[in-house]
Amino acid sequence: GASTALPALSGFCIYAGISVILCFLFQIFLFLPLLAINLWRTRADRFDLLCCFKSQEKHEIDKPQGCCCCIWFPRLNPPDGMLPKVFEKVGEATVKTIPGKASTLFVWFAIFAAGLAGVTQIKKDFRLEWFFPEGSYTKKFIDL
């Protein structure tokens, strides 16, 4: 694709190839080291957001205990297991009840219908002669 005569396709293929390579390199040289640094921070009982402060309590890696929203006012920290409880309540309302299922299906159908309506309004402006270089015999033939 990158060696094609079509400049737009060639540019896209080069851009896509470089993007895939950079994504791979970022995962190896950025994500994995940051994951290792996070493991060191966790083992040292340091907070998530303000990692220069240590926790007074010992936290085991296998048993997470919420986040550190506020060091100076610990009562403002959310209780442990808050996120699973929120997901459970939202799931009870949206997935497990008939009105929730119906409203979820309605919303996704509305998004699908809006997408279909948008697709039908796409204008196509295509000329075959755009793909041939100036002075080529094919372009001269099409211009006849």
C-alpha atoms as a PDB file:
ATOM      1  CA  GLY A   1       0.000   0.000   0.000  1.00  0.00           C
ATOM      2  CA  ALA A   2       2.785   2.479   0.781  1.00  0.00           C
ATOM      3  CA  SER A   3       4.356   2.001  -2.669  1.00  0.00           C
ATOM      4  CA  THR A   4       1.165   2.670  -4.642  1.00  0.00           C
ATOM      5  CA  ALA A   5       0.877   5.507  -7.155  1.00  0.00           C
ATOM      6  CA  LEU A   6      -2.132   6.940  -5.301  1.00  0.00           C
ATOM      7  CA  PRO A   7      -0.750   9.650  -3.004  1.00  0.00           C
ATOM      8  CA  ALA A   8      -3.621   9.542  -0.498  1.00  0.00           C
ATOM      9  CA  LEU A   9      -3.415   5.776  -0.096  1.00  0.00           C
ATOM     10  CA  SER A  10       0.369   5.860   0.138  1.00  0.00           C
ATOM     11  CA  GLY A  11       0.248   8.553   2.812  1.00  0.00           C
ATOM     12  CA  PHE A  12      -2.359   6.665   4.796  1.00  0.00           C
ATOM     13  CA  CYS A  13      -0.397   3.404   4.673  1.00  0.00           C
ATOM     14  CA  ILE A  14       2.808   5.098   5.815  1.00  0.00           C
ATOM     15  CA  TYR A  15       0.949   6.879   8.617  1.00  0.00           C
ATOM     16  CA  ALA A  16      -0.766   3.649   9.731  1.00  0.00           C
ATOM     17  CA  GLY A  17       2.508   1.697   9.674  1.00  0.00           C
ATOM     18  CA  ILE A  18       4.335   4.300  11.740  1.00  0.00           C
ATOM     19  CA  SER A  19       1.393   4.419  14.172  1.00  0.00           C
ATOM     20  CA  VAL A  20       1.478   0.643  14.723  1.00  0.00           C
ATOM     21  CA  ILE A  21       5.230   0.708  15.326  1.00  0.00           C
ATOM     22  CA  LEU A  22       4.956   3.644  17.753  1.00  0.00           C
ATOM     23  CA  CYS A  23       2.101   1.958  19.635  1.00  0.00           C
ATOM     24  CA  PHE A  24       4.261  -1.144  20.083  1.00  0.00           C
ATOM     25  CA  LEU A  25       7.257   0.907  21.224  1.00  0.00           C
ATOM     26  CA  PHE A  26       5.147   2.952  23.662  1.00  0.00           C
ATOM     27  CA  GLN A  27       3.805  -0.222  25.232  1.00  0.00           C
ATOM     28  CA  ILE A  28       7.283  -1.663  25.675  1.00  0.00           C
ATOM     29  CA  PHE A  29       9.203   1.453  26.709  1.00  0.00           C
ATOM     30  CA  LEU A  30       6.495   3.435  28.509  1.00  0.00           C
ATOM     31  CA  PHE A  31       3.629   1.287  29.778  1.00  0.00           C
ATOM     32  CA  LEU A  32       5.618  -1.640  31.201  1.00  0.00           C
ATOM     33  CA  PRO A  33       8.136   0.545  33.100  1.00  0.00           C
ATOM     34  CA  LEU A  34       5.286   2.635  34.524  1.00  0.00           C
ATOM     35  CA  LEU A  35       3.589  -0.582  35.617  1.00  0.00           C
ATOM     36  CA  ALA A  36       6.784  -1.640  37.396  1.00  0.00           C
ATOM     37  CA  ILE A  37       7.070   1.778  39.080  1.00  0.00           C
ATOM     38  CA  ASN A  38       3.457   1.439  40.240  1.00  0.00           C
ATOM     39  CA  LEU A  39       4.293  -1.948  41.757  1.00  0.00           C
ATOM     40  CA  TRP A  40       7.213  -0.426  43.667  1.00  0.00           C
ATOM     41  CA  ARG A  41       4.915   2.382  44.895  1.00  0.00           C
ATOM     42  CA  THR A  42       2.300  -0.114  46.041  1.00  0.00           C
ATOM     43  CA  ARG A  43       4.816  -2.277  47.879  1.00  0.00           C
ATOM     44  CA  ALA A  44       6.164   0.823  49.654  1.00  0.00           C
ATOM     45  CA  ASP A  45       2.619   1.662  50.898  1.00  0.00           C
ATOM     46  CA  ARG A  46       2.553   4.988  49.127  1.00  0.00           C
ATOM     47  CA  PHE A  47      -0.652   6.701  48.021  1.00  0.00           C
ATOM     48  CA  ASP A  48      -1.912   6.606  44.432  1.00  0.00           C
ATOM     49  CA  LEU A  49      -2.297  10.302  43.772  1.00  0.00           C
ATOM     50  CA  LEU A  50       0.286  11.766  46.143  1.00  0.00           C
ATOM     51  CA  CYS A  51       2.995   9.142  45.997  1.00  0.00           C
ATOM     52  CA  CYS A  52       5.404  11.227  48.075  1.00  0.00           C
ATOM     53  CA  PHE A  53       3.270  10.423  51.162  1.00  0.00           C
ATOM     54  CA  LYS A  54       3.283   7.031  52.870  1.00  0.00           C
ATOM     55  CA  SER A  55       0.235   5.375  54.329  1.00  0.00           C
ATOM     56  CA  GLN A  56       0.132   4.774  58.063  1.00  0.00           C
ATOM     57  CA  GLU A  57      -1.582   1.433  57.532  1.00  0.00           C
ATOM     58  CA  LYS A  58      -0.048  -1.590  55.850  1.00  0.00           C
ATOM     59  CA  HIS A  59      -1.806  -2.421  52.583  1.00  0.00           C
ATOM     60  CA  GLU A  60      -1.389  -5.754  50.902  1.00  0.00           C
ATOM     61  CA  ILE A  61      -1.218  -5.823  47.128  1.00  0.00           C
ATOM     62  CA  ASP A  62      -3.878  -8.535  46.874  1.00  0.00           C
ATOM     63  CA  LYS A  63      -6.372  -6.513  48.929  1.00  0.00           C
ATOM     64  CA  PRO A  64      -6.853  -2.997  47.528  1.00  0.00           C
ATOM     65  CA  GLN A  65      -8.417  -0.480  49.911  1.00  0.00           C
ATOM     66  CA  GLY A  66      -9.929   2.325  47.878  1.00  0.00           C
ATOM     67  CA  CYS A  67      -8.120   5.450  46.807  1.00  0.00           C
ATOM     68  CA  CYS A  68      -6.533   8.403  48.548  1.00  0.00           C
ATOM     69  CA  CYS A  69      -8.837  11.266  47.677  1.00  0.00           C
ATOM     70  CA  CYS A  70      -7.865  13.212  50.698  1.00  0.00           C
ATOM     71  CA  ILE A  71      -4.972  12.552  53.053  1.00  0.00           C
ATOM     72  CA  TRP A  72      -5.790  15.302  55.512  1.00  0.00           C
ATOM     73  CA  PHE A  73      -9.512  14.465  55.792  1.00  0.00           C
ATOM     74  CA  PRO A  74      -9.690  10.656  55.716  1.00  0.00           C
ATOM     75  CA  ARG A  75     -13.440  10.647  56.346  1.00  0.00           C
ATOM     76  CA  LEU A  76     -13.879  12.049  52.819  1.00  0.00           C
ATOM     77  CA  ASN A  77     -12.306   8.965  51.276  1.00  0.00           C
ATOM     78  CA  PRO A  78     -14.865   6.696  49.635  1.00  0.00           C
ATOM     79  CA  PRO A  79     -15.478   3.406  51.414  1.00  0.00           C
ATOM     80  CA  ASP A  80     -13.809   0.253  50.154  1.00  0.00           C
ATOM     81  CA  GLY A  81     -15.718  -1.608  47.507  1.00  0.00           C
ATOM     82  CA  MET A  82     -17.672   1.477  46.470  1.00  0.00           C
ATOM     83  CA  LEU A  83     -17.149   0.992  42.731  1.00  0.00           C
ATOM     84  CA  PRO A  84     -18.456  -2.603  42.653  1.00  0.00           C
ATOM     85  CA  LYS A  85     -21.501  -1.482  44.627  1.00  0.00           C
ATOM     86  CA  VAL A  86     -22.181   1.353  42.176  1.00  0.00           C
ATOM     87  CA  PHE A  87     -21.824  -0.991  39.196  1.00  0.00           C
ATOM     88  CA  GLU A  88     -24.130  -3.487  40.863  1.00  0.00           C
ATOM     89  CA  LYS A  89     -26.832  -0.871  41.456  1.00  0.00           C
ATOM     90  CA  VAL A  90     -26.530   0.531  37.940  1.00  0.00           C
ATOM     91  CA  GLY A  91     -26.618  -3.004  36.522  1.00  0.00           C
ATOM     92  CA  GLU A  92     -29.699  -3.830  38.588  1.00  0.00           C
ATOM     93  CA  ALA A  93     -31.476  -0.814  37.086  1.00  0.00           C
ATOM     94  CA  THR A  94     -30.328  -1.088  33.477  1.00  0.00           C
ATOM     95  CA  VAL A  95     -29.743  -4.733  32.692  1.00  0.00           C
ATOM     96  CA  LYS A  96     -31.821  -6.867  35.012  1.00  0.00           C
ATOM     97  CA  THR A  97     -35.213  -5.159  34.802  1.00  0.00           C
ATOM     98  CA  ILE A  98     -37.626  -5.076  31.863  1.00  0.00           C
ATOM     99  CA  PRO A  99     -37.830  -1.230  31.729  1.00  0.00           C
ATOM    100  CA  GLY A 100     -34.037  -1.052  31.949  1.00  0.00           C
ATOM    101  CA  LYS A 101     -33.611  -3.536  29.116  1.00  0.00           C
ATOM    102  CA  ALA A 102     -36.177  -1.690  27.012  1.00  0.00           C
ATOM    103  CA  SER A 103     -34.579   1.719  27.602  1.00  0.00           C
ATOM    104  CA  THR A 104     -31.106   0.346  26.855  1.00  0.00           C
ATOM    105  CA  LEU A 105     -32.317  -1.189  23.600  1.00  0.00           C
ATOM    106  CA  PHE A 106     -34.128   2.035  22.689  1.00  0.00           C
ATOM    107  CA  VAL A 107     -31.030   4.176  23.273  1.00  0.00           C
ATOM    108  CA  TRP A 108     -28.774   1.891  21.230  1.00  0.00           C
ATOM    109  CA  PHE A 109     -31.364   1.628  18.455  1.00  0.00           C
ATOM    110  CA  ALA A 110     -31.612   5.441  18.361  1.00  0.00           C
ATOM    111  CA  ILE A 111     -27.820   5.698  18.043  1.00  0.00           C
ATOM    112  CA  PHE A 112     -27.884   3.079  15.268  1.00  0.00           C
ATOM    113  CA  ALA A 113     -30.677   4.915  13.430  1.00  0.00           C
ATOM    114  CA  ALA A 114     -28.815   8.216  13.701  1.00  0.00           C
ATOM    115  CA  GLY A 115     -25.729   6.528  12.269  1.00  0.00           C
ATOM    116  CA  LEU A 116     -27.700   5.086   9.367  1.00  0.00           C
ATOM    117  CA  ALA A 117     -29.257   8.478   8.681  1.00  0.00           C
ATOM    118  CA  GLY A 118     -25.798  10.032   8.625  1.00  0.00           C
ATOM    119  CA  VAL A 119     -24.441   7.357   6.282  1.00  0.00           C
ATOM    120  CA  THR A 120     -27.215   7.992   3.777  1.00  0.00           C
ATOM    121  CA  GLN A 121     -26.289  11.696   3.621  1.00  0.00           C
ATOM    122  CA  ILE A 122     -22.634  11.152   2.710  1.00  0.00           C
ATOM    123  CA  LYS A 123     -21.852  12.811  -0.614  1.00  0.00           C
ATOM    124  CA  LYS A 124     -19.525  11.027  -2.982  1.00  0.00           C
ATOM    125  CA  ASP A 125     -17.322  13.210  -5.180  1.00  0.00           C
ATOM    126  CA  PHE A 126     -15.127  10.881  -7.202  1.00  0.00           C
ATOM    127  CA  ARG A 127     -13.417  11.319 -10.536  1.00  0.00           C
ATOM    128  CA  LEU A 128     -11.266   8.601 -12.029  1.00  0.00           C
ATOM    129  CA  GLU A 129      -8.889  11.074 -13.660  1.00  0.00           C
ATOM    130  CA  TRP A 130      -7.687  12.231 -10.209  1.00  0.00           C
ATOM    131  CA  PHE A 131      -5.779   8.958  -9.854  1.00  0.00           C
ATOM    132  CA  PHE A 132      -3.653   9.317 -12.981  1.00  0.00           C
ATOM    133  CA  PRO A 133      -0.606  11.580 -13.233  1.00  0.00           C
ATOM    134  CA  GLU A 134      -0.596  14.528 -15.626  1.00  0.00           C
ATOM    135  CA  GLY A 135       0.702  13.682 -19.071  1.00  0.00           C
ATOM    136  CA  SER A 136       0.001   9.936 -18.863  1.00  0.00           C
ATOM    137  CA  TYR A 137      -1.597   8.242 -21.835  1.00  0.00           C
ATOM    138  CA  THR A 138      -4.441   6.988 -19.602  1.00  0.00           C
ATOM    139  CA  LYS A 139      -5.347  10.554 -18.583  1.00  0.00           C
ATOM    140  CA  LYS A 140      -5.261  11.659 -22.210  1.00  0.00           C
ATOM    141  CA  PHE A 141      -7.546   8.742 -23.129  1.00  0.00           C
ATOM    142  CA  ILE A 142     -10.059   9.609 -20.379  1.00  0.00           C
ATOM    143  CA  ASP A 143     -10.070  13.296 -21.376  1.00  0.00           C
ATOM    144  CA  LEU A 144     -11.145  12.357 -24.944  1.00  0.00           C
END
